[in-house]
Amino acid sequence: MEVEVKLRLPSADVHHRLCTLLSPYHRRTMLQQNLFFDGPNSELASNLAALRLRFYDLDTRCVLSLKSKPQISAGISRIEEQEEEIDPVLGRQCAAEPWRLTRIESSDIIRRVKEEFNVVSDSLISLGGFRNVRSVYHWNGLNLEIDETHYSFGSCYEIECETSEPEIAKKLLEEMLLKNGIEYKYSSTSKFAVFRAGKLLE
């Protein structure tokens, strides 16, 4: 179970001010491309699941993930997640021809997609995706991920913080944001939900 604090930032200006504030704690910045897949009858989406390929920094890394049973309330997200590293070259082949994903016999994720969600071999289709610039900061014992997400229909900005103590982390974050005049609100949807809606929801 992945547990994260998720706070939405209202604009590019607020995102810039926060990144400037946190600059002494900056660790790295990652360029991400996220691509999603489903069966022809929305077998995954209809069961609140998402199959994703994520490419990092010009294909230096590729991760296949399956997310399911999402819950988000008061800025705290809980979701079941399984991840597997795959060769970026294979990942690009699968992005171009999604049926290849179901041929990865060594993947426990693909086994689950077939057995739990009844996706037939060779039937996966691409849903498209979006790009994300993720800046990572280590602040006050927390790993903060500040996201700048670019969809075909607009951009949004968000703070994510994976933690085993979400209420404590949220309190620390909110105190810091309020003290420095950084506007925010609790995220109520995932990036994938925004992408599927085809419009900015907040």
N, C-alpha and C. Protein backbone atom coordinates (compact mmCIF):
# COMPACT_ATOMS: atom_id res chain seq x y z
N MET A 1 0.84 -1.20 0.00
CA MET A 1 0.00 0.00 0.00
C MET A 1 0.87 1.25 0.00
N GLU A 2 0.69 2.09 -0.99
CA GLU A 2 1.41 3.36 -1.06
C GLU A 2 0.54 4.43 -0.39
N VAL A 3 1.13 5.13 0.56
CA VAL A 3 0.41 6.20 1.28
C VAL A 3 1.17 7.50 1.06
N GLU A 4 0.45 8.51 0.55
CA GLU A 4 1.08 9.79 0.25
C GLU A 4 0.22 10.95 0.71
N VAL A 5 0.88 12.02 1.13
CA VAL A 5 0.22 13.32 1.27
C VAL A 5 0.25 13.97 -0.11
N LYS A 6 -0.89 14.50 -0.56
CA LYS A 6 -0.96 15.15 -1.87
C LYS A 6 -1.64 16.50 -1.73
N LEU A 7 -0.90 17.55 -2.06
CA LEU A 7 -1.41 18.91 -1.97
C LEU A 7 -1.29 19.58 -3.33
N ARG A 8 -2.38 20.17 -3.79
CA ARG A 8 -2.40 20.82 -5.10
C ARG A 8 -2.00 22.29 -4.99
N LEU A 9 -1.12 22.72 -5.89
CA LEU A 9 -0.71 24.12 -5.97
C LEU A 9 -1.50 24.79 -7.08
N PRO A 10 -1.95 26.04 -6.88
CA PRO A 10 -2.90 26.64 -7.83
C PRO A 10 -2.31 27.17 -9.13
N SER A 11 -0.99 27.39 -9.20
CA SER A 11 -0.46 28.04 -10.40
C SER A 11 1.03 27.78 -10.56
N ALA A 12 1.52 28.13 -11.75
CA ALA A 12 2.96 28.02 -12.02
C ALA A 12 3.75 28.96 -11.12
N ASP A 13 3.19 30.11 -10.83
CA ASP A 13 3.89 31.07 -9.97
C ASP A 13 4.07 30.52 -8.56
N VAL A 14 3.02 29.92 -8.02
CA VAL A 14 3.12 29.33 -6.68
C VAL A 14 4.11 28.17 -6.68
N HIS A 15 4.07 27.36 -7.72
CA HIS A 15 5.03 26.26 -7.86
C HIS A 15 6.46 26.80 -7.86
N HIS A 16 6.70 27.87 -8.61
CA HIS A 16 8.04 28.46 -8.67
C HIS A 16 8.48 28.99 -7.31
N ARG A 17 7.56 29.65 -6.59
CA ARG A 17 7.90 30.20 -5.27
C ARG A 17 8.24 29.08 -4.29
N LEU A 18 7.52 27.99 -4.35
CA LEU A 18 7.81 26.88 -3.45
C LEU A 18 9.15 26.24 -3.78
N CYS A 19 9.42 26.02 -5.05
CA CYS A 19 10.71 25.44 -5.44
C CYS A 19 11.88 26.34 -5.04
N THR A 20 11.69 27.64 -5.15
CA THR A 20 12.72 28.58 -4.72
C THR A 20 12.94 28.49 -3.22
N LEU A 21 11.86 28.42 -2.47
CA LEU A 21 11.93 28.29 -1.02
C LEU A 21 12.68 27.02 -0.61
N LEU A 22 12.43 25.94 -1.32
CA LEU A 22 13.01 24.64 -0.95
C LEU A 22 14.37 24.38 -1.62
N SER A 23 14.86 25.32 -2.40
CA SER A 23 16.08 25.08 -3.18
C SER A 23 17.27 24.60 -2.37
N PRO A 24 17.45 25.03 -1.09
CA PRO A 24 18.60 24.49 -0.33
C PRO A 24 18.49 22.99 -0.06
N TYR A 25 17.30 22.43 -0.22
CA TYR A 25 17.07 21.02 0.10
C TYR A 25 16.92 20.16 -1.16
N HIS A 26 17.21 20.75 -2.32
CA HIS A 26 17.01 20.04 -3.59
C HIS A 26 17.99 18.87 -3.73
N ARG A 27 17.48 17.73 -4.18
CA ARG A 27 18.32 16.55 -4.38
C ARG A 27 18.48 16.20 -5.86
N ARG A 28 17.38 16.23 -6.60
CA ARG A 28 17.47 15.90 -8.04
C ARG A 28 16.15 16.30 -8.71
N THR A 29 16.21 16.37 -10.04
CA THR A 29 15.02 16.61 -10.85
C THR A 29 14.94 15.52 -11.91
N MET A 30 13.75 14.97 -12.07
CA MET A 30 13.54 13.87 -13.02
C MET A 30 12.51 14.27 -14.07
N LEU A 31 12.79 13.91 -15.31
CA LEU A 31 11.81 14.06 -16.39
C LEU A 31 11.13 12.72 -16.59
N GLN A 32 9.80 12.72 -16.50
CA GLN A 32 9.05 11.47 -16.58
C GLN A 32 8.05 11.53 -17.74
N GLN A 33 7.93 10.41 -18.43
CA GLN A 33 6.85 10.24 -19.39
C GLN A 33 6.00 9.07 -18.92
N ASN A 34 4.71 9.29 -18.76
CA ASN A 34 3.79 8.28 -18.24
C ASN A 34 2.83 7.85 -19.35
N LEU A 35 2.80 6.56 -19.65
CA LEU A 35 1.91 6.00 -20.67
C LEU A 35 1.03 4.92 -20.02
N PHE A 36 -0.25 4.91 -20.40
CA PHE A 36 -1.21 4.02 -19.75
C PHE A 36 -1.85 3.06 -20.77
N PHE A 37 -2.28 1.91 -20.25
CA PHE A 37 -2.81 0.85 -21.11
C PHE A 37 -4.02 0.20 -20.44
N ASP A 38 -4.90 -0.34 -21.29
CA ASP A 38 -6.07 -1.05 -20.76
C ASP A 38 -6.50 -2.08 -21.79
N GLY A 39 -7.43 -2.94 -21.39
CA GLY A 39 -8.00 -3.88 -22.32
C GLY A 39 -9.03 -3.19 -23.21
N PRO A 40 -9.51 -3.84 -24.25
CA PRO A 40 -10.45 -3.23 -25.18
C PRO A 40 -11.80 -2.90 -24.57
N ASN A 41 -12.13 -3.53 -23.46
CA ASN A 41 -13.40 -3.28 -22.78
C ASN A 41 -13.21 -2.58 -21.44
N SER A 42 -12.10 -1.86 -21.32
CA SER A 42 -11.77 -1.11 -20.08
C SER A 42 -11.76 -2.01 -18.86
N GLU A 43 -11.18 -3.19 -19.03
CA GLU A 43 -11.16 -4.16 -17.94
C GLU A 43 -10.46 -3.63 -16.70
N LEU A 44 -9.42 -2.83 -16.88
CA LEU A 44 -8.70 -2.28 -15.73
C LEU A 44 -9.43 -1.08 -15.14
N ALA A 45 -9.72 -0.09 -15.97
CA ALA A 45 -10.36 1.13 -15.48
C ALA A 45 -11.69 0.85 -14.80
N SER A 46 -12.45 -0.11 -15.32
CA SER A 46 -13.75 -0.42 -14.72
C SER A 46 -13.61 -1.06 -13.34
N ASN A 47 -12.40 -1.52 -13.03
CA ASN A 47 -12.11 -2.08 -11.71
C ASN A 47 -11.17 -1.19 -10.91
N LEU A 48 -11.13 0.10 -11.27
CA LEU A 48 -10.33 1.10 -10.56
C LEU A 48 -8.85 0.72 -10.51
N ALA A 49 -8.36 0.25 -11.64
CA ALA A 49 -6.94 -0.12 -11.75
C ALA A 49 -6.33 0.61 -12.95
N ALA A 50 -5.00 0.77 -12.90
CA ALA A 50 -4.29 1.45 -13.99
C ALA A 50 -2.96 0.75 -14.23
N LEU A 51 -2.68 0.48 -15.49
CA LEU A 51 -1.40 -0.12 -15.90
C LEU A 51 -0.59 0.97 -16.58
N ARG A 52 0.62 1.19 -16.07
CA ARG A 52 1.42 2.33 -16.53
C ARG A 52 2.85 1.92 -16.85
N LEU A 53 3.38 2.49 -17.94
CA LEU A 53 4.82 2.50 -18.21
C LEU A 53 5.33 3.90 -17.92
N ARG A 54 6.39 3.99 -17.14
CA ARG A 54 6.98 5.30 -16.86
C ARG A 54 8.44 5.28 -17.31
N PHE A 55 8.77 6.24 -18.18
CA PHE A 55 10.14 6.40 -18.65
C PHE A 55 10.76 7.60 -17.94
N TYR A 56 12.03 7.43 -17.53
CA TYR A 56 12.75 8.47 -16.80
C TYR A 56 13.89 9.01 -17.62
N ASP A 57 14.01 10.34 -17.63
CA ASP A 57 15.22 11.01 -18.13
C ASP A 57 15.74 10.45 -19.44
N LEU A 58 14.92 10.62 -20.49
CA LEU A 58 15.33 10.21 -21.83
C LEU A 58 15.66 8.72 -21.89
N ASP A 59 14.80 7.93 -21.28
CA ASP A 59 14.85 6.46 -21.36
C ASP A 59 16.06 5.84 -20.65
N THR A 60 16.56 6.51 -19.63
CA THR A 60 17.62 5.88 -18.84
C THR A 60 17.04 4.80 -17.91
N ARG A 61 15.73 4.85 -17.68
CA ARG A 61 15.08 3.88 -16.79
C ARG A 61 13.62 3.74 -17.22
N CYS A 62 13.05 2.55 -17.01
CA CYS A 62 11.64 2.31 -17.32
C CYS A 62 11.04 1.44 -16.23
N VAL A 63 9.85 1.83 -15.74
CA VAL A 63 9.17 1.09 -14.68
C VAL A 63 7.74 0.78 -15.12
N LEU A 64 7.38 -0.49 -15.01
CA LEU A 64 6.01 -0.93 -15.24
C LEU A 64 5.31 -1.00 -13.89
N SER A 65 4.11 -0.43 -13.81
CA SER A 65 3.40 -0.45 -12.53
C SER A 65 1.93 -0.76 -12.72
N LEU A 66 1.35 -1.35 -11.70
CA LEU A 66 -0.09 -1.60 -11.65
C LEU A 66 -0.61 -0.99 -10.36
N LYS A 67 -1.54 -0.05 -10.51
CA LYS A 67 -2.13 0.59 -9.35
C LYS A 67 -3.61 0.22 -9.27
N SER A 68 -4.10 0.03 -8.03
CA SER A 68 -5.50 -0.38 -7.88
C SER A 68 -6.04 0.07 -6.53
N LYS A 69 -7.36 0.08 -6.44
CA LYS A 69 -8.10 0.41 -5.22
C LYS A 69 -7.69 1.77 -4.64
N PRO A 70 -7.77 2.83 -5.44
CA PRO A 70 -7.36 4.15 -4.93
C PRO A 70 -8.36 4.75 -3.96
N GLN A 71 -7.83 5.43 -2.96
CA GLN A 71 -8.64 6.20 -2.02
C GLN A 71 -7.91 7.52 -1.77
N ILE A 72 -8.64 8.62 -1.75
CA ILE A 72 -8.02 9.89 -1.43
C ILE A 72 -9.01 10.73 -0.64
N SER A 73 -8.54 11.25 0.49
CA SER A 73 -9.41 12.02 1.37
C SER A 73 -8.55 12.99 2.18
N ALA A 74 -8.98 14.24 2.22
CA ALA A 74 -8.30 15.27 3.02
C ALA A 74 -6.81 15.34 2.72
N GLY A 75 -6.46 15.18 1.45
CA GLY A 75 -5.07 15.31 1.05
C GLY A 75 -4.19 14.10 1.31
N ILE A 76 -4.80 12.98 1.69
CA ILE A 76 -4.03 11.76 1.92
C ILE A 76 -4.53 10.68 0.96
N SER A 77 -3.60 10.17 0.16
CA SER A 77 -3.91 9.16 -0.85
C SER A 77 -3.40 7.80 -0.41
N ARG A 78 -4.24 6.79 -0.62
CA ARG A 78 -3.85 5.40 -0.36
C ARG A 78 -4.18 4.57 -1.59
N ILE A 79 -3.21 3.80 -2.05
CA ILE A 79 -3.43 3.02 -3.26
C ILE A 79 -2.52 1.79 -3.23
N GLU A 80 -3.04 0.67 -3.72
CA GLU A 80 -2.21 -0.52 -3.85
C GLU A 80 -1.36 -0.38 -5.11
N GLU A 81 -0.05 -0.63 -4.96
CA GLU A 81 0.85 -0.43 -6.09
C GLU A 81 1.88 -1.55 -6.16
N GLN A 82 2.10 -2.03 -7.37
CA GLN A 82 3.15 -3.01 -7.65
C GLN A 82 3.99 -2.47 -8.78
N GLU A 83 5.32 -2.55 -8.65
CA GLU A 83 6.21 -2.00 -9.67
C GLU A 83 7.26 -3.03 -10.07
N GLU A 84 7.68 -2.94 -11.34
CA GLU A 84 8.76 -3.78 -11.86
C GLU A 84 9.62 -2.96 -12.82
N GLU A 85 10.92 -3.06 -12.66
CA GLU A 85 11.84 -2.44 -13.61
C GLU A 85 11.88 -3.29 -14.89
N ILE A 86 11.84 -2.62 -16.04
CA ILE A 86 12.02 -3.34 -17.29
C ILE A 86 13.02 -2.58 -18.15
N ASP A 87 13.58 -3.26 -19.12
CA ASP A 87 14.55 -2.65 -20.02
C ASP A 87 13.86 -1.53 -20.80
N PRO A 88 14.45 -0.31 -20.82
CA PRO A 88 13.82 0.80 -21.55
C PRO A 88 13.59 0.51 -23.03
N VAL A 89 14.47 -0.27 -23.64
CA VAL A 89 14.28 -0.62 -25.06
C VAL A 89 13.01 -1.45 -25.22
N LEU A 90 12.83 -2.44 -24.33
CA LEU A 90 11.61 -3.24 -24.35
C LEU A 90 10.40 -2.36 -24.05
N GLY A 91 10.57 -1.44 -23.11
CA GLY A 91 9.48 -0.54 -22.78
C GLY A 91 9.02 0.26 -23.98
N ARG A 92 9.96 0.77 -24.77
CA ARG A 92 9.61 1.55 -25.95
C ARG A 92 8.92 0.67 -27.01
N GLN A 93 9.37 -0.58 -27.11
CA GLN A 93 8.71 -1.50 -28.04
C GLN A 93 7.26 -1.73 -27.62
N CYS A 94 7.04 -1.86 -26.32
CA CYS A 94 5.69 -2.07 -25.81
C CYS A 94 4.83 -0.81 -25.96
N ALA A 95 5.45 0.35 -25.81
CA ALA A 95 4.71 1.60 -25.99
C ALA A 95 4.22 1.72 -27.44
N ALA A 96 5.06 1.29 -28.37
CA ALA A 96 4.70 1.36 -29.79
C ALA A 96 3.71 0.27 -30.18
N GLU A 97 3.85 -0.89 -29.57
CA GLU A 97 2.97 -2.03 -29.86
C GLU A 97 2.53 -2.65 -28.53
N PRO A 98 1.45 -2.13 -27.95
CA PRO A 98 1.05 -2.53 -26.59
C PRO A 98 0.82 -4.03 -26.38
N TRP A 99 0.48 -4.75 -27.45
CA TRP A 99 0.27 -6.18 -27.31
C TRP A 99 1.52 -6.89 -26.78
N ARG A 100 2.68 -6.27 -27.00
CA ARG A 100 3.93 -6.89 -26.53
C ARG A 100 3.98 -6.99 -25.00
N LEU A 101 3.27 -6.11 -24.30
CA LEU A 101 3.27 -6.17 -22.84
C LEU A 101 2.79 -7.53 -22.34
N THR A 102 1.77 -8.07 -22.97
CA THR A 102 1.22 -9.34 -22.48
C THR A 102 2.13 -10.52 -22.81
N ARG A 103 3.19 -10.26 -23.56
CA ARG A 103 4.15 -11.33 -23.89
C ARG A 103 5.32 -11.36 -22.90
N ILE A 104 5.34 -10.44 -21.92
CA ILE A 104 6.43 -10.44 -20.94
C ILE A 104 6.11 -11.51 -19.89
N GLU A 105 6.55 -12.72 -20.15
CA GLU A 105 6.17 -13.87 -19.33
C GLU A 105 6.73 -13.82 -17.92
N SER A 106 7.83 -13.09 -17.73
CA SER A 106 8.46 -13.03 -16.41
C SER A 106 7.79 -12.03 -15.48
N SER A 107 6.81 -11.28 -15.96
CA SER A 107 6.21 -10.20 -15.19
C SER A 107 5.04 -10.67 -14.34
N ASP A 108 5.15 -10.48 -13.02
CA ASP A 108 4.03 -10.77 -12.12
C ASP A 108 2.88 -9.79 -12.37
N ILE A 109 3.22 -8.56 -12.75
CA ILE A 109 2.18 -7.57 -13.04
C ILE A 109 1.33 -8.03 -14.23
N ILE A 110 1.95 -8.47 -15.29
CA ILE A 110 1.20 -8.91 -16.46
C ILE A 110 0.40 -10.16 -16.14
N ARG A 111 0.95 -11.03 -15.31
CA ARG A 111 0.17 -12.21 -14.88
C ARG A 111 -1.10 -11.77 -14.17
N ARG A 112 -0.98 -10.77 -13.29
CA ARG A 112 -2.16 -10.27 -12.58
C ARG A 112 -3.16 -9.62 -13.53
N VAL A 113 -2.63 -8.85 -14.49
CA VAL A 113 -3.51 -8.20 -15.47
C VAL A 113 -4.36 -9.25 -16.20
N LYS A 114 -3.75 -10.37 -16.52
CA LYS A 114 -4.48 -11.43 -17.22
C LYS A 114 -5.42 -12.19 -16.29
N GLU A 115 -4.91 -12.57 -15.11
CA GLU A 115 -5.68 -13.46 -14.24
C GLU A 115 -6.71 -12.72 -13.38
N GLU A 116 -6.34 -11.57 -12.83
CA GLU A 116 -7.26 -10.86 -11.95
C GLU A 116 -8.24 -9.95 -12.70
N PHE A 117 -7.77 -9.42 -13.84
CA PHE A 117 -8.60 -8.45 -14.56
C PHE A 117 -9.09 -8.97 -15.91
N ASN A 118 -8.74 -10.23 -16.19
CA ASN A 118 -9.28 -10.92 -17.38
C ASN A 118 -8.97 -10.20 -18.69
N VAL A 119 -7.77 -9.63 -18.77
CA VAL A 119 -7.32 -9.03 -20.02
C VAL A 119 -6.72 -10.13 -20.89
N VAL A 120 -7.24 -10.28 -22.08
CA VAL A 120 -6.81 -11.34 -22.98
C VAL A 120 -5.44 -10.99 -23.57
N SER A 121 -4.62 -12.00 -23.75
CA SER A 121 -3.30 -11.81 -24.35
C SER A 121 -3.41 -11.06 -25.68
N ASP A 122 -2.46 -10.18 -25.91
CA ASP A 122 -2.34 -9.39 -27.15
C ASP A 122 -3.44 -8.36 -27.33
N SER A 123 -4.28 -8.12 -26.30
CA SER A 123 -5.42 -7.22 -26.50
C SER A 123 -5.23 -5.84 -25.88
N LEU A 124 -4.11 -5.60 -25.19
CA LEU A 124 -3.91 -4.29 -24.57
C LEU A 124 -3.86 -3.18 -25.60
N ILE A 125 -4.43 -2.04 -25.25
CA ILE A 125 -4.39 -0.86 -26.12
C ILE A 125 -3.81 0.31 -25.34
N SER A 126 -3.25 1.27 -26.07
CA SER A 126 -2.68 2.46 -25.43
C SER A 126 -3.77 3.49 -25.19
N LEU A 127 -3.73 4.11 -24.01
CA LEU A 127 -4.63 5.21 -23.67
C LEU A 127 -3.97 6.56 -23.88
N GLY A 128 -2.68 6.56 -24.17
CA GLY A 128 -1.93 7.81 -24.22
C GLY A 128 -1.30 8.10 -22.87
N GLY A 129 -0.98 9.36 -22.63
CA GLY A 129 -0.36 9.69 -21.36
C GLY A 129 -0.02 11.16 -21.23
N PHE A 130 0.93 11.44 -20.34
CA PHE A 130 1.32 12.82 -20.05
C PHE A 130 2.75 12.83 -19.55
N ARG A 131 3.32 14.05 -19.51
CA ARG A 131 4.69 14.22 -19.05
C ARG A 131 4.71 14.93 -17.70
N ASN A 132 5.76 14.67 -16.93
CA ASN A 132 5.86 15.25 -15.60
C ASN A 132 7.31 15.62 -15.31
N VAL A 133 7.50 16.79 -14.73
CA VAL A 133 8.82 17.19 -14.22
C VAL A 133 8.74 17.10 -12.71
N ARG A 134 9.53 16.22 -12.14
CA ARG A 134 9.49 15.97 -10.69
C ARG A 134 10.79 16.42 -10.04
N SER A 135 10.67 17.40 -9.15
CA SER A 135 11.82 17.86 -8.36
C SER A 135 11.72 17.27 -6.96
N VAL A 136 12.81 16.68 -6.51
CA VAL A 136 12.82 15.97 -5.23
C VAL A 136 13.63 16.76 -4.21
N TYR A 137 13.05 16.92 -3.02
CA TYR A 137 13.69 17.67 -1.94
C TYR A 137 13.66 16.83 -0.68
N HIS A 138 14.74 16.90 0.10
CA HIS A 138 14.75 16.26 1.42
C HIS A 138 14.67 17.38 2.46
N TRP A 139 13.49 17.53 3.03
CA TRP A 139 13.22 18.63 3.95
C TRP A 139 12.62 18.10 5.25
N ASN A 140 13.25 18.46 6.35
CA ASN A 140 12.71 18.15 7.68
C ASN A 140 12.40 16.67 7.85
N GLY A 141 13.27 15.83 7.30
CA GLY A 141 13.09 14.38 7.42
C GLY A 141 12.11 13.79 6.42
N LEU A 142 11.56 14.62 5.54
CA LEU A 142 10.59 14.15 4.56
C LEU A 142 11.17 14.24 3.15
N ASN A 143 10.81 13.28 2.30
CA ASN A 143 11.14 13.36 0.89
C ASN A 143 9.95 13.96 0.15
N LEU A 144 10.13 15.20 -0.31
CA LEU A 144 9.06 15.91 -1.00
C LEU A 144 9.29 15.83 -2.50
N GLU A 145 8.23 15.53 -3.23
CA GLU A 145 8.27 15.51 -4.69
C GLU A 145 7.34 16.62 -5.18
N ILE A 146 7.93 17.61 -5.84
CA ILE A 146 7.16 18.73 -6.36
C ILE A 146 6.99 18.52 -7.85
N ASP A 147 5.74 18.33 -8.28
CA ASP A 147 5.45 17.94 -9.66
C ASP A 147 4.90 19.08 -10.49
N GLU A 148 5.37 19.14 -11.73
CA GLU A 148 4.84 20.02 -12.75
C GLU A 148 4.38 19.11 -13.89
N THR A 149 3.07 18.90 -13.97
CA THR A 149 2.51 17.89 -14.87
C THR A 149 1.88 18.54 -16.09
N HIS A 150 2.28 18.06 -17.27
CA HIS A 150 1.83 18.66 -18.53
C HIS A 150 0.94 17.68 -19.28
N TYR A 151 -0.34 18.04 -19.38
CA TYR A 151 -1.31 17.29 -20.18
C TYR A 151 -1.48 18.01 -21.53
N SER A 152 -2.16 17.39 -22.46
CA SER A 152 -2.44 18.04 -23.73
C SER A 152 -3.39 19.22 -23.58
N PHE A 153 -4.12 19.25 -22.45
CA PHE A 153 -5.14 20.28 -22.23
C PHE A 153 -4.76 21.29 -21.14
N GLY A 154 -3.54 21.20 -20.61
CA GLY A 154 -3.13 22.15 -19.59
C GLY A 154 -2.13 21.54 -18.62
N SER A 155 -1.72 22.33 -17.65
CA SER A 155 -0.71 21.89 -16.68
C SER A 155 -1.24 22.05 -15.26
N CYS A 156 -0.74 21.20 -14.37
CA CYS A 156 -1.10 21.35 -12.96
C CYS A 156 0.14 21.07 -12.11
N TYR A 157 0.05 21.44 -10.83
CA TYR A 157 1.21 21.45 -9.94
C TYR A 157 0.81 20.83 -8.61
N GLU A 158 1.69 20.01 -8.06
CA GLU A 158 1.31 19.22 -6.88
C GLU A 158 2.53 18.88 -6.04
N ILE A 159 2.29 18.79 -4.74
CA ILE A 159 3.28 18.26 -3.79
C ILE A 159 2.88 16.84 -3.45
N GLU A 160 3.83 15.90 -3.49
CA GLU A 160 3.58 14.54 -3.03
C GLU A 160 4.64 14.19 -1.99
N CYS A 161 4.21 13.47 -0.99
CA CYS A 161 5.13 13.03 0.06
C CYS A 161 4.72 11.65 0.53
N GLU A 162 5.47 10.63 0.12
CA GLU A 162 5.19 9.27 0.56
C GLU A 162 5.69 9.10 1.98
N THR A 163 4.84 8.54 2.85
CA THR A 163 5.17 8.46 4.26
C THR A 163 4.33 7.39 4.96
N SER A 164 4.87 6.86 6.04
CA SER A 164 4.11 5.92 6.86
C SER A 164 3.32 6.65 7.95
N GLU A 165 3.55 7.96 8.06
CA GLU A 165 2.84 8.77 9.06
C GLU A 165 2.23 10.00 8.37
N PRO A 166 1.20 9.78 7.57
CA PRO A 166 0.68 10.87 6.74
C PRO A 166 0.13 12.06 7.51
N GLU A 167 -0.49 11.84 8.64
CA GLU A 167 -1.06 12.97 9.38
C GLU A 167 0.05 13.89 9.91
N ILE A 168 1.14 13.29 10.39
CA ILE A 168 2.26 14.09 10.88
C ILE A 168 2.91 14.84 9.74
N ALA A 169 3.13 14.15 8.61
CA ALA A 169 3.76 14.79 7.46
C ALA A 169 2.88 15.93 6.92
N LYS A 170 1.59 15.70 6.88
CA LYS A 170 0.69 16.74 6.37
C LYS A 170 0.72 17.97 7.27
N LYS A 171 0.76 17.76 8.57
CA LYS A 171 0.80 18.88 9.52
C LYS A 171 2.08 19.70 9.32
N LEU A 172 3.23 19.02 9.17
CA LEU A 172 4.49 19.72 8.96
C LEU A 172 4.46 20.52 7.65
N LEU A 173 3.94 19.90 6.61
CA LEU A 173 3.87 20.58 5.32
C LEU A 173 2.95 21.80 5.37
N GLU A 174 1.79 21.63 5.96
CA GLU A 174 0.84 22.74 6.01
C GLU A 174 1.39 23.90 6.83
N GLU A 175 2.08 23.61 7.92
CA GLU A 175 2.68 24.68 8.72
C GLU A 175 3.72 25.45 7.91
N MET A 176 4.55 24.73 7.16
CA MET A 176 5.56 25.38 6.34
C MET A 176 4.93 26.23 5.25
N LEU A 177 3.92 25.70 4.58
CA LEU A 177 3.27 26.43 3.49
C LEU A 177 2.56 27.68 4.00
N LEU A 178 1.85 27.55 5.10
CA LEU A 178 1.13 28.70 5.65
C LEU A 178 2.09 29.78 6.13
N LYS A 179 3.17 29.36 6.77
CA LYS A 179 4.17 30.30 7.27
C LYS A 179 4.77 31.14 6.15
N ASN A 180 4.90 30.53 4.97
CA ASN A 180 5.57 31.21 3.86
C ASN A 180 4.59 31.73 2.80
N GLY A 181 3.31 31.73 3.11
CA GLY A 181 2.33 32.29 2.21
C GLY A 181 2.18 31.53 0.90
N ILE A 182 2.37 30.21 0.94
CA ILE A 182 2.23 29.37 -0.24
C ILE A 182 0.81 28.81 -0.28
N GLU A 183 0.04 29.22 -1.27
CA GLU A 183 -1.34 28.76 -1.37
C GLU A 183 -1.38 27.29 -1.80
N TYR A 184 -2.36 26.56 -1.31
CA TYR A 184 -2.51 25.15 -1.66
C TYR A 184 -3.91 24.70 -1.30
N LYS A 185 -4.27 23.53 -1.77
CA LYS A 185 -5.48 22.86 -1.29
C LYS A 185 -5.25 21.35 -1.41
N TYR A 186 -6.09 20.60 -0.73
CA TYR A 186 -5.94 19.15 -0.76
C TYR A 186 -6.28 18.61 -2.15
N SER A 187 -5.43 17.74 -2.66
CA SER A 187 -5.74 17.06 -3.91
C SER A 187 -6.93 16.12 -3.69
N SER A 188 -7.82 16.09 -4.65
CA SER A 188 -9.00 15.21 -4.52
C SER A 188 -9.05 14.15 -5.61
N THR A 189 -8.14 14.23 -6.58
CA THR A 189 -8.09 13.26 -7.66
C THR A 189 -6.64 12.93 -7.99
N SER A 190 -6.42 11.80 -8.60
CA SER A 190 -5.08 11.42 -9.04
C SER A 190 -4.77 12.06 -10.39
N LYS A 191 -3.49 12.05 -10.75
CA LYS A 191 -3.09 12.55 -12.07
C LYS A 191 -3.75 11.73 -13.17
N PHE A 192 -3.86 10.42 -12.96
CA PHE A 192 -4.49 9.56 -13.96
C PHE A 192 -5.96 9.93 -14.14
N ALA A 193 -6.66 10.23 -13.05
CA ALA A 193 -8.06 10.63 -13.15
C ALA A 193 -8.21 11.93 -13.92
N VAL A 194 -7.29 12.87 -13.71
CA VAL A 194 -7.32 14.12 -14.47
C VAL A 194 -7.10 13.83 -15.95
N PHE A 195 -6.12 12.98 -16.24
CA PHE A 195 -5.83 12.61 -17.62
C PHE A 195 -7.05 11.97 -18.30
N ARG A 196 -7.71 11.07 -17.60
CA ARG A 196 -8.87 10.39 -18.18
C ARG A 196 -10.05 11.35 -18.37
N ALA A 197 -10.15 12.34 -17.48
CA ALA A 197 -11.24 13.31 -17.61
C ALA A 197 -11.05 14.22 -18.82
N GLY A 198 -9.79 14.40 -19.23
CA GLY A 198 -9.52 15.23 -20.39
C GLY A 198 -9.63 16.73 -20.10
N LYS A 199 -9.58 17.10 -18.83
CA LYS A 199 -9.64 18.51 -18.44
C LYS A 199 -9.10 18.64 -17.03
N LEU A 200 -8.65 19.84 -16.69
CA LEU A 200 -8.18 20.10 -15.34
C LEU A 200 -9.39 20.14 -14.41
N LEU A 201 -9.34 19.34 -13.35
CA LEU A 201 -10.50 19.18 -12.48
C LEU A 201 -10.48 20.13 -11.29
N GLU A 202 -9.33 20.74 -10.99
CA GLU A 202 -9.25 21.63 -9.84
C GLU A 202 -8.59 22.93 -10.26
